[in-house]
Amino acid sequence: MNSGEKPDSHAIDVHTPSVARMYDWLLGGIEHFASDRAACQRLLEIAPSTKALALNNRSFLRRVVRVLAEEYGVRQFLDHGSGLPTQDNVHEIAQRVDRRSRVVYIDSDPIVLARGRIVLEENAETAVLNEDMRETDRIFERPEVRRLIRDDEPVAALFVSVLHCLPDEDAGALVRRVAERLPDGSFMVICQLVSDHASVREGVTELMRDATGGNWGRVRERDEVRQYFDGLLIEDPGLIDVTDWRPDSEVVPRQRADDWVEWGGLARVIRT
């Protein structure tokens, strides 16, 4: 992975939990600190099924990228809020279908950039950008994006389990800005944390805002997330708990997260 060159905006803060590192811990990774583990333990007290939710969400990411590559012929991906490199990264899944598939990872956590440089630097068809994903115009003008993402073929923009990190006014605006920049026939993958339980929504939101120093948005309700898809053509099977989005097999029972879920789906950008 070719790393985006940008002056370090801030050093790695081991004392303040990071959403990327917390997610890594929930997936069984090793790139986390005591502050991240402590925040996860508090999170599990509010929503005990959080580990199952994280694993289900990662499985959804694998499936939707494979479907986009195999069935829709997508060969270029923009992964917003990509998180730490792990097994079956987006480029690995897409490049199993076509080795020429190109992926740009975008994340503002400095440890993501550091690990991307170490783990993924050998892949010429990828880049990792240390950018705030809300800086759409800046991102699209980066030389790495101009090199890898072509404007004459569809792009898949991924917002997988990340919009809940943004305030209300930023989340929807970001989706609209990116959709406007994509070629006709491109795709948007959008899901975020939702809950039917006010206690979970409020408890998790308060915990994460406090733990991350305000670097958090809100656990939302389904109707709020549905608005992100306004103006997009939603693909089958619609907007659902992503655990049920085109599951690979019914042989192994899927773990259920009933206190909160990742909810969303796949949509196409169609110019009218």
C-alpha atoms as a PDB file:
ATOM      1  CA  MET A   1       0.000   0.000   0.000  1.00  0.00           C
ATOM      2  CA  ASN A   2       1.385   3.384  -0.941  1.00  0.00           C
ATOM      3  CA  SER A   3       0.954   5.766   1.949  1.00  0.00           C
ATOM      4  CA  GLY A   4      -0.345   9.269   1.395  1.00  0.00           C
ATOM      5  CA  GLU A   5       2.370  11.727   2.304  1.00  0.00           C
ATOM      6  CA  LYS A   6       1.070  14.280   4.756  1.00  0.00           C
ATOM      7  CA  PRO A   7       2.758  15.910   7.721  1.00  0.00           C
ATOM      8  CA  ASP A   8       1.780  14.139  10.942  1.00  0.00           C
ATOM      9  CA  SER A   9      -1.185  16.091  12.268  1.00  0.00           C
ATOM     10  CA  HIS A  10      -0.878  14.604  15.743  1.00  0.00           C
ATOM     11  CA  ALA A  11       1.007  11.886  17.560  1.00  0.00           C
ATOM     12  CA  ILE A  12      -0.580   8.640  18.628  1.00  0.00           C
ATOM     13  CA  ASP A  13      -2.444   9.236  21.894  1.00  0.00           C
ATOM     14  CA  VAL A  14      -2.358   5.993  23.883  1.00  0.00           C
ATOM     15  CA  HIS A  15      -4.439   7.437  26.726  1.00  0.00           C
ATOM     16  CA  THR A  16      -7.537   8.426  24.728  1.00  0.00           C
ATOM     17  CA  PRO A  17      -9.494   5.518  23.210  1.00  0.00           C
ATOM     18  CA  SER A  18      -9.597   5.341  19.435  1.00  0.00           C
ATOM     19  CA  VAL A  19     -12.605   3.967  17.562  1.00  0.00           C
ATOM     20  CA  ALA A  20     -10.256   2.173  15.148  1.00  0.00           C
ATOM     21  CA  ARG A  21      -8.309   0.509  17.966  1.00  0.00           C
ATOM     22  CA  MET A  22     -11.468  -0.386  19.888  1.00  0.00           C
ATOM     23  CA  TYR A  23     -12.845  -2.052  16.756  1.00  0.00           C
ATOM     24  CA  ASP A  24      -9.561  -3.912  16.380  1.00  0.00           C
ATOM     25  CA  TRP A  25      -9.893  -5.259  19.930  1.00  0.00           C
ATOM     26  CA  LEU A  26     -13.486  -6.344  19.326  1.00  0.00           C
ATOM     27  CA  LEU A  27     -12.321  -8.263  16.227  1.00  0.00           C
ATOM     28  CA  GLY A  28      -9.597 -10.024  18.206  1.00  0.00           C
ATOM     29  CA  GLY A  29      -6.704  -7.920  16.890  1.00  0.00           C
ATOM     30  CA  ILE A  30      -3.571  -6.767  18.695  1.00  0.00           C
ATOM     31  CA  GLU A  31      -3.313  -3.068  17.767  1.00  0.00           C
ATOM     32  CA  HIS A  32      -4.817  -1.496  20.888  1.00  0.00           C
ATOM     33  CA  PHE A  33      -3.885  -0.023  24.249  1.00  0.00           C
ATOM     34  CA  ALA A  34      -5.209  -0.246  27.803  1.00  0.00           C
ATOM     35  CA  SER A  35      -7.437   2.792  27.266  1.00  0.00           C
ATOM     36  CA  ASP A  36      -9.098   1.114  24.271  1.00  0.00           C
ATOM     37  CA  ARG A  37      -9.668  -2.144  26.137  1.00  0.00           C
ATOM     38  CA  ALA A  38     -11.147  -0.334  29.135  1.00  0.00           C
ATOM     39  CA  ALA A  39     -13.549   1.599  26.898  1.00  0.00           C
ATOM     40  CA  CYS A  40     -14.617  -1.643  25.211  1.00  0.00           C
ATOM     41  CA  GLN A  41     -15.329  -3.248  28.567  1.00  0.00           C
ATOM     42  CA  ARG A  42     -17.567  -0.315  29.502  1.00  0.00           C
ATOM     43  CA  LEU A  43     -19.246  -0.574  26.115  1.00  0.00           C
ATOM     44  CA  LEU A  44     -19.968  -4.262  26.672  1.00  0.00           C
ATOM     45  CA  GLU A  45     -21.710  -3.409  29.955  1.00  0.00           C
ATOM     46  CA  ILE A  46     -24.196  -1.250  28.024  1.00  0.00           C
ATOM     47  CA  ALA A  47     -24.499  -3.465  24.924  1.00  0.00           C
ATOM     48  CA  PRO A  48     -23.326  -7.031  25.685  1.00  0.00           C
ATOM     49  CA  SER A  49     -23.597  -8.181  22.064  1.00  0.00           C
ATOM     50  CA  THR A  50     -21.039  -5.649  20.820  1.00  0.00           C
ATOM     51  CA  LYS A  51     -18.398  -8.263  19.933  1.00  0.00           C
ATOM     52  CA  ALA A  52     -20.904 -10.249  17.886  1.00  0.00           C
ATOM     53  CA  LEU A  53     -21.976  -7.035  16.188  1.00  0.00           C
ATOM     54  CA  ALA A  54     -18.389  -6.173  15.224  1.00  0.00           C
ATOM     55  CA  LEU A  55     -17.768  -9.653  13.797  1.00  0.00           C
ATOM     56  CA  ASN A  56     -21.051  -9.555  11.863  1.00  0.00           C
ATOM     57  CA  ASN A  57     -20.161  -6.153  10.472  1.00  0.00           C
ATOM     58  CA  ARG A  58     -16.745  -7.308   9.288  1.00  0.00           C
ATOM     59  CA  SER A  59     -18.371 -10.290   7.609  1.00  0.00           C
ATOM     60  CA  PHE A  60     -20.769  -7.916   5.833  1.00  0.00           C
ATOM     61  CA  LEU A  61     -17.838  -5.865   4.551  1.00  0.00           C
ATOM     62  CA  ARG A  62     -16.264  -8.985   3.055  1.00  0.00           C
ATOM     63  CA  ARG A  63     -19.523 -10.028   1.396  1.00  0.00           C
ATOM     64  CA  VAL A  64     -20.453  -6.661  -0.049  1.00  0.00           C
ATOM     65  CA  VAL A  65     -16.987  -6.058  -1.511  1.00  0.00           C
ATOM     66  CA  ARG A  66     -16.985  -9.531  -3.056  1.00  0.00           C
ATOM     67  CA  VAL A  67     -20.466  -8.990  -4.512  1.00  0.00           C
ATOM     68  CA  LEU A  68     -19.467  -5.601  -5.914  1.00  0.00           C
ATOM     69  CA  ALA A  69     -16.364  -7.089  -7.532  1.00  0.00           C
ATOM     70  CA  GLU A  70     -17.889 -10.348  -8.788  1.00  0.00           C
ATOM     71  CA  GLU A  71     -21.431  -9.396  -9.750  1.00  0.00           C
ATOM     72  CA  TYR A  72     -21.221  -5.675 -10.487  1.00  0.00           C
ATOM     73  CA  GLY A  73     -17.714  -5.603 -11.937  1.00  0.00           C
ATOM     74  CA  VAL A  74     -16.470  -2.811  -9.666  1.00  0.00           C
ATOM     75  CA  ARG A  75     -12.688  -2.406  -9.771  1.00  0.00           C
ATOM     76  CA  GLN A  76     -12.135   0.714  -7.657  1.00  0.00           C
ATOM     77  CA  PHE A  77     -13.045   1.395  -4.046  1.00  0.00           C
ATOM     78  CA  LEU A  78     -12.889   4.338  -1.629  1.00  0.00           C
ATOM     79  CA  ASP A  79     -12.961   3.045   1.949  1.00  0.00           C
ATOM     80  CA  HIS A  80     -13.933   5.878   4.320  1.00  0.00           C
ATOM     81  CA  GLY A  81     -12.913   5.364   7.941  1.00  0.00           C
ATOM     82  CA  SER A  82     -11.120   2.181   6.951  1.00  0.00           C
ATOM     83  CA  GLY A  83      -9.676   1.336  10.354  1.00  0.00           C
ATOM     84  CA  LEU A  84      -6.643  -0.808  11.056  1.00  0.00           C
ATOM     85  CA  PRO A  85      -5.406  -3.388   8.546  1.00  0.00           C
ATOM     86  CA  THR A  86      -6.622  -6.863   9.424  1.00  0.00           C
ATOM     87  CA  GLN A  87      -7.320 -10.135   7.651  1.00  0.00           C
ATOM     88  CA  ASP A  88      -9.271  -9.836   4.408  1.00  0.00           C
ATOM     89  CA  ASN A  89      -8.820  -6.140   3.792  1.00  0.00           C
ATOM     90  CA  VAL A  90     -10.885  -4.571   1.005  1.00  0.00           C
ATOM     91  CA  HIS A  91      -8.095  -4.749  -1.574  1.00  0.00           C
ATOM     92  CA  GLU A  92      -7.421  -8.422  -0.796  1.00  0.00           C
ATOM     93  CA  ILE A  93     -11.054  -9.341  -1.376  1.00  0.00           C
ATOM     94  CA  ALA A  94     -11.361  -7.275  -4.559  1.00  0.00           C
ATOM     95  CA  GLN A  95      -8.019  -8.413  -5.956  1.00  0.00           C
ATOM     96  CA  ARG A  96      -8.961 -12.055  -5.578  1.00  0.00           C
ATOM     97  CA  VAL A  97     -11.594 -11.288  -8.218  1.00  0.00           C
ATOM     98  CA  ASP A  98      -9.333  -9.071 -10.334  1.00  0.00           C
ATOM     99  CA  ARG A  99      -5.740  -8.353  -9.328  1.00  0.00           C
ATOM    100  CA  ARG A 100      -6.010  -4.940 -11.005  1.00  0.00           C
ATOM    101  CA  SER A 101      -8.637  -3.734  -8.497  1.00  0.00           C
ATOM    102  CA  ARG A 102      -7.670  -0.432  -6.868  1.00  0.00           C
ATOM    103  CA  VAL A 103      -8.429   0.702  -3.320  1.00  0.00           C
ATOM    104  CA  VAL A 104      -7.901   3.952  -1.430  1.00  0.00           C
ATOM    105  CA  TYR A 105      -8.181   3.719   2.356  1.00  0.00           C
ATOM    106  CA  ILE A 106      -9.044   6.917   4.260  1.00  0.00           C
ATOM    107  CA  ASP A 107      -8.644   7.335   8.012  1.00  0.00           C
ATOM    108  CA  SER A 108      -7.556  10.132  10.353  1.00  0.00           C
ATOM    109  CA  ASP A 109      -6.112   7.845  13.052  1.00  0.00           C
ATOM    110  CA  PRO A 110      -2.290   8.070  12.828  1.00  0.00           C
ATOM    111  CA  ILE A 111      -1.846   4.449  13.849  1.00  0.00           C
ATOM    112  CA  VAL A 112      -3.868   3.399  10.774  1.00  0.00           C
ATOM    113  CA  LEU A 113      -1.413   5.241   8.548  1.00  0.00           C
ATOM    114  CA  ALA A 114       1.563   3.774  10.415  1.00  0.00           C
ATOM    115  CA  ARG A 115       0.276   0.210  10.149  1.00  0.00           C
ATOM    116  CA  GLY A 116      -0.722   0.735   6.533  1.00  0.00           C
ATOM    117  CA  ARG A 117       2.824   1.737   5.698  1.00  0.00           C
ATOM    118  CA  ILE A 118       4.222  -1.369   7.383  1.00  0.00           C
ATOM    119  CA  VAL A 119       1.689  -4.022   6.401  1.00  0.00           C
ATOM    120  CA  LEU A 120       0.418  -2.941   2.992  1.00  0.00           C
ATOM    121  CA  GLU A 121       3.153  -0.911   1.366  1.00  0.00           C
ATOM    122  CA  GLU A 122       3.999  -3.519  -1.264  1.00  0.00           C
ATOM    123  CA  ASN A 123       0.676  -3.289  -3.097  1.00  0.00           C
ATOM    124  CA  ALA A 124       0.914  -0.709  -5.883  1.00  0.00           C
ATOM    125  CA  GLU A 125      -2.850  -0.713  -6.483  1.00  0.00           C
ATOM    126  CA  THR A 126      -3.651   0.683  -3.045  1.00  0.00           C
ATOM    127  CA  ALA A 127      -3.048   3.852  -1.038  1.00  0.00           C
ATOM    128  CA  VAL A 128      -3.787   4.917   2.523  1.00  0.00           C
ATOM    129  CA  LEU A 129      -4.568   8.562   3.248  1.00  0.00           C
ATOM    130  CA  ASN A 130      -4.242  10.165   6.650  1.00  0.00           C
ATOM    131  CA  GLU A 131      -7.251  12.435   6.142  1.00  0.00           C
ATOM    132  CA  ASP A 132     -10.448  13.475   7.860  1.00  0.00           C
ATOM    133  CA  MET A 133     -13.003  11.663   5.705  1.00  0.00           C
ATOM    134  CA  ARG A 134     -15.176  14.807   5.702  1.00  0.00           C
ATOM    135  CA  GLU A 135     -12.595  16.616   3.540  1.00  0.00           C
ATOM    136  CA  THR A 136     -14.135  15.306   0.312  1.00  0.00           C
ATOM    137  CA  ASP A 137     -12.712  17.912  -2.064  1.00  0.00           C
ATOM    138  CA  ARG A 138      -9.230  17.584  -0.600  1.00  0.00           C
ATOM    139  CA  ILE A 139      -9.373  13.786  -0.780  1.00  0.00           C
ATOM    140  CA  PHE A 140     -10.470  13.694  -4.419  1.00  0.00           C
ATOM    141  CA  GLU A 141      -7.633  16.024  -5.345  1.00  0.00           C
ATOM    142  CA  ARG A 142      -4.959  13.942  -3.649  1.00  0.00           C
ATOM    143  CA  PRO A 143      -2.455  12.548  -6.177  1.00  0.00           C
ATOM    144  CA  GLU A 144      -3.018   9.023  -4.862  1.00  0.00           C
ATOM    145  CA  VAL A 145      -6.739   9.276  -5.615  1.00  0.00           C
ATOM    146  CA  ARG A 146      -6.142  10.831  -9.027  1.00  0.00           C
ATOM    147  CA  ARG A 147      -3.736   7.979  -9.821  1.00  0.00           C
ATOM    148  CA  LEU A 148      -5.934   5.113  -8.654  1.00  0.00           C
ATOM    149  CA  ILE A 149      -9.552   6.262  -9.032  1.00  0.00           C
ATOM    150  CA  ARG A 150     -10.707   6.905 -12.590  1.00  0.00           C
ATOM    151  CA  ASP A 151     -13.739   9.003 -13.399  1.00  0.00           C
ATOM    152  CA  ASP A 152     -14.793   6.964 -16.433  1.00  0.00           C
ATOM    153  CA  GLU A 153     -15.863   3.837 -14.523  1.00  0.00           C
ATOM    154  CA  PRO A 154     -17.949   3.071 -11.425  1.00  0.00           C
ATOM    155  CA  VAL A 155     -16.522   3.531  -7.951  1.00  0.00           C
ATOM    156  CA  ALA A 156     -17.726   1.899  -4.735  1.00  0.00           C
ATOM    157  CA  ALA A 157     -17.628   4.348  -1.824  1.00  0.00           C
ATOM    158  CA  LEU A 158     -17.679   2.489   1.484  1.00  0.00           C
ATOM    159  CA  PHE A 159     -19.084   3.963   4.700  1.00  0.00           C
ATOM    160  CA  VAL A 160     -19.122   0.809   6.788  1.00  0.00           C
ATOM    161  CA  SER A 161     -19.706   1.318  10.506  1.00  0.00           C
ATOM    162  CA  VAL A 162     -18.347   4.847  10.466  1.00  0.00           C
ATOM    163  CA  LEU A 163     -21.112   7.459  10.124  1.00  0.00           C
ATOM    164  CA  HIS A 164     -22.061   7.075  13.787  1.00  0.00           C
ATOM    165  CA  CYS A 165     -18.651   8.671  14.492  1.00  0.00           C
ATOM    166  CA  LEU A 166     -19.883  11.932  12.937  1.00  0.00           C
ATOM    167  CA  PRO A 167     -22.358  14.566  14.178  1.00  0.00           C
ATOM    168  CA  ASP A 168     -25.731  14.703  12.453  1.00  0.00           C
ATOM    169  CA  GLU A 169     -24.888  17.731  10.307  1.00  0.00           C
ATOM    170  CA  ASP A 170     -21.715  16.063   8.999  1.00  0.00           C
ATOM    171  CA  ALA A 171     -22.885  12.508   8.319  1.00  0.00           C
ATOM    172  CA  GLY A 172     -25.604  13.176   5.766  1.00  0.00           C
ATOM    173  CA  ALA A 173     -23.673  16.005   4.123  1.00  0.00           C
ATOM    174  CA  LEU A 174     -20.650  13.738   3.646  1.00  0.00           C
ATOM    175  CA  VAL A 175     -22.712  11.066   1.903  1.00  0.00           C
ATOM    176  CA  ARG A 176     -24.231  13.651  -0.453  1.00  0.00           C
ATOM    177  CA  ARG A 177     -20.871  15.239  -1.291  1.00  0.00           C
ATOM    178  CA  VAL A 178     -19.251  11.924  -2.133  1.00  0.00           C
ATOM    179  CA  ALA A 179     -22.243  10.768  -4.207  1.00  0.00           C
ATOM    180  CA  GLU A 180     -21.997  13.982  -6.240  1.00  0.00           C
ATOM    181  CA  ARG A 181     -18.320  13.314  -6.996  1.00  0.00           C
ATOM    182  CA  LEU A 182     -18.794   9.722  -8.155  1.00  0.00           C
ATOM    183  CA  PRO A 183     -19.315   8.676 -11.786  1.00  0.00           C
ATOM    184  CA  ASP A 184     -22.817   7.682 -12.866  1.00  0.00           C
ATOM    185  CA  GLY A 185     -23.537   4.053 -11.984  1.00  0.00           C
ATOM    186  CA  SER A 186     -21.244   4.072  -8.946  1.00  0.00           C
ATOM    187  CA  PHE A 187     -22.176   2.500  -5.616  1.00  0.00           C
ATOM    188  CA  MET A 188     -22.516   3.562  -2.006  1.00  0.00           C
ATOM    189  CA  VAL A 189     -22.248   1.061   0.845  1.00  0.00           C
ATOM    190  CA  ILE A 190     -23.669   2.616   3.998  1.00  0.00           C
ATOM    191  CA  CYS A 191     -24.352   1.138   7.411  1.00  0.00           C
ATOM    192  CA  GLN A 192     -24.144   2.451  10.939  1.00  0.00           C
ATOM    193  CA  LEU A 193     -25.061   1.537  14.490  1.00  0.00           C
ATOM    194  CA  VAL A 194     -28.764   1.769  15.301  1.00  0.00           C
ATOM    195  CA  SER A 195     -30.859   0.697  18.252  1.00  0.00           C
ATOM    196  CA  ASP A 196     -34.534   0.548  19.091  1.00  0.00           C
ATOM    197  CA  HIS A 197     -33.649   1.060  22.755  1.00  0.00           C
ATOM    198  CA  ALA A 198     -33.266   4.650  23.915  1.00  0.00           C
ATOM    199  CA  SER A 199     -31.139   3.507  26.842  1.00  0.00           C
ATOM    200  CA  VAL A 200     -28.631   1.904  24.476  1.00  0.00           C
ATOM    201  CA  ARG A 201     -28.590   4.874  22.070  1.00  0.00           C
ATOM    202  CA  GLU A 202     -28.086   7.375  24.859  1.00  0.00           C
ATOM    203  CA  GLY A 203     -25.749   5.227  26.959  1.00  0.00           C
ATOM    204  CA  VAL A 204     -23.388   4.329  24.126  1.00  0.00           C
ATOM    205  CA  THR A 205     -23.395   7.855  22.713  1.00  0.00           C
ATOM    206  CA  GLU A 206     -22.540   9.367  26.099  1.00  0.00           C
ATOM    207  CA  LEU A 207     -19.850   6.758  26.783  1.00  0.00           C
ATOM    208  CA  MET A 208     -18.158   7.135  23.393  1.00  0.00           C
ATOM    209  CA  ARG A 209     -18.240  10.927  23.378  1.00  0.00           C
ATOM    210  CA  ASP A 210     -16.660  10.964  26.815  1.00  0.00           C
ATOM    211  CA  ALA A 211     -14.113   8.230  26.073  1.00  0.00           C
ATOM    212  CA  THR A 212     -12.965   9.640  22.725  1.00  0.00           C
ATOM    213  CA  GLY A 213     -12.832  13.270  23.757  1.00  0.00           C
ATOM    214  CA  GLY A 214     -15.846  14.157  21.622  1.00  0.00           C
ATOM    215  CA  ASN A 215     -14.686  12.258  18.540  1.00  0.00           C
ATOM    216  CA  TRP A 216     -18.078  10.638  18.123  1.00  0.00           C
ATOM    217  CA  GLY A 217     -21.497  11.282  16.650  1.00  0.00           C
ATOM    218  CA  ARG A 218     -24.552   9.336  17.707  1.00  0.00           C
ATOM    219  CA  VAL A 219     -26.184   5.924  17.706  1.00  0.00           C
ATOM    220  CA  ARG A 220     -29.245   6.540  15.540  1.00  0.00           C
ATOM    221  CA  GLU A 221     -32.580   5.026  14.597  1.00  0.00           C
ATOM    222  CA  ARG A 222     -33.384   3.291  11.302  1.00  0.00           C
ATOM    223  CA  ASP A 223     -35.409   6.150   9.839  1.00  0.00           C
ATOM    224  CA  GLU A 224     -32.495   8.518  10.380  1.00  0.00           C
ATOM    225  CA  VAL A 225     -30.100   6.225   8.522  1.00  0.00           C
ATOM    226  CA  ARG A 226     -32.649   5.705   5.756  1.00  0.00           C
ATOM    227  CA  GLN A 227     -32.351   9.401   4.919  1.00  0.00           C
ATOM    228  CA  TYR A 228     -28.716   8.868   3.875  1.00  0.00           C
ATOM    229  CA  PHE A 229     -30.055   6.894   0.909  1.00  0.00           C
ATOM    230  CA  ASP A 230     -32.272   9.690  -0.428  1.00  0.00           C
ATOM    231  CA  GLY A 231     -31.688  10.069  -4.164  1.00  0.00           C
ATOM    232  CA  LEU A 232     -29.931   6.689  -4.435  1.00  0.00           C
ATOM    233  CA  LEU A 233     -31.277   3.480  -5.976  1.00  0.00           C
ATOM    234  CA  ILE A 234     -31.273   0.867  -3.222  1.00  0.00           C
ATOM    235  CA  GLU A 235     -30.192  -2.583  -4.389  1.00  0.00           C
ATOM    236  CA  ASP A 236     -31.700  -5.860  -3.180  1.00  0.00           C
ATOM    237  CA  PRO A 237     -32.212  -6.997  -0.475  1.00  0.00           C
ATOM    238  CA  GLY A 238     -32.879  -3.443   0.688  1.00  0.00           C
ATOM    239  CA  LEU A 239     -31.967  -1.766   3.966  1.00  0.00           C
ATOM    240  CA  ILE A 240     -31.640  -4.314   6.744  1.00  0.00           C
ATOM    241  CA  ASP A 241     -29.521  -5.563   9.627  1.00  0.00           C
ATOM    242  CA  VAL A 242     -26.316  -6.231   7.684  1.00  0.00           C
ATOM    243  CA  THR A 243     -26.054  -9.658   9.321  1.00  0.00           C
ATOM    244  CA  ASP A 244     -28.855 -10.645   6.944  1.00  0.00           C
ATOM    245  CA  TRP A 245     -27.439  -8.929   3.848  1.00  0.00           C
ATOM    246  CA  ARG A 246     -26.933 -11.766   1.356  1.00  0.00           C
ATOM    247  CA  PRO A 247     -25.465 -14.253   3.865  1.00  0.00           C
ATOM    248  CA  ASP A 248     -22.937 -16.719   2.490  1.00  0.00           C
ATOM    249  CA  SER A 249     -24.467 -19.752   4.159  1.00  0.00           C
ATOM    250  CA  GLU A 250     -27.215 -20.801   6.512  1.00  0.00           C
ATOM    251  CA  VAL A 251     -25.241 -23.849   7.657  1.00  0.00           C
ATOM    252  CA  VAL A 252     -23.494 -21.976  10.490  1.00  0.00           C
ATOM    253  CA  PRO A 253     -25.983 -19.988  12.611  1.00  0.00           C
ATOM    254  CA  ARG A 254     -25.241 -16.263  12.663  1.00  0.00           C
ATOM    255  CA  GLN A 255     -24.727 -14.563  16.006  1.00  0.00           C
ATOM    256  CA  ARG A 256     -27.442 -12.077  16.823  1.00  0.00           C
ATOM    257  CA  ALA A 257     -26.916  -8.645  18.310  1.00  0.00           C
ATOM    258  CA  ASP A 258     -30.320  -7.633  19.620  1.00  0.00           C
ATOM    259  CA  ASP A 259     -29.486  -4.581  21.736  1.00  0.00           C
ATOM    260  CA  TRP A 260     -28.115  -2.733  18.715  1.00  0.00           C
ATOM    261  CA  VAL A 261     -27.299  -3.599  15.111  1.00  0.00           C
ATOM    262  CA  GLU A 262     -25.435  -2.368  12.070  1.00  0.00           C
ATOM    263  CA  TRP A 263     -28.176  -1.289   9.670  1.00  0.00           C
ATOM    264  CA  GLY A 264     -27.978  -0.219   6.051  1.00  0.00           C
ATOM    265  CA  GLY A 265     -27.227  -1.651   2.639  1.00  0.00           C
ATOM    266  CA  LEU A 266     -26.000  -1.104  -0.911  1.00  0.00           C
ATOM    267  CA  ALA A 267     -27.210   1.628  -3.266  1.00  0.00           C
ATOM    268  CA  ARG A 268     -26.412   2.832  -6.755  1.00  0.00           C
ATOM    269  CA  VAL A 269     -25.750   6.400  -7.873  1.00  0.00           C
ATOM    270  CA  ILE A 270     -28.000   7.184 -10.832  1.00  0.00           C
ATOM    271  CA  ARG A 271     -27.970  10.555 -12.567  1.00  0.00           C
ATOM    272  CA  THR A 272     -31.431  11.636 -13.726  1.00  0.00           C
END
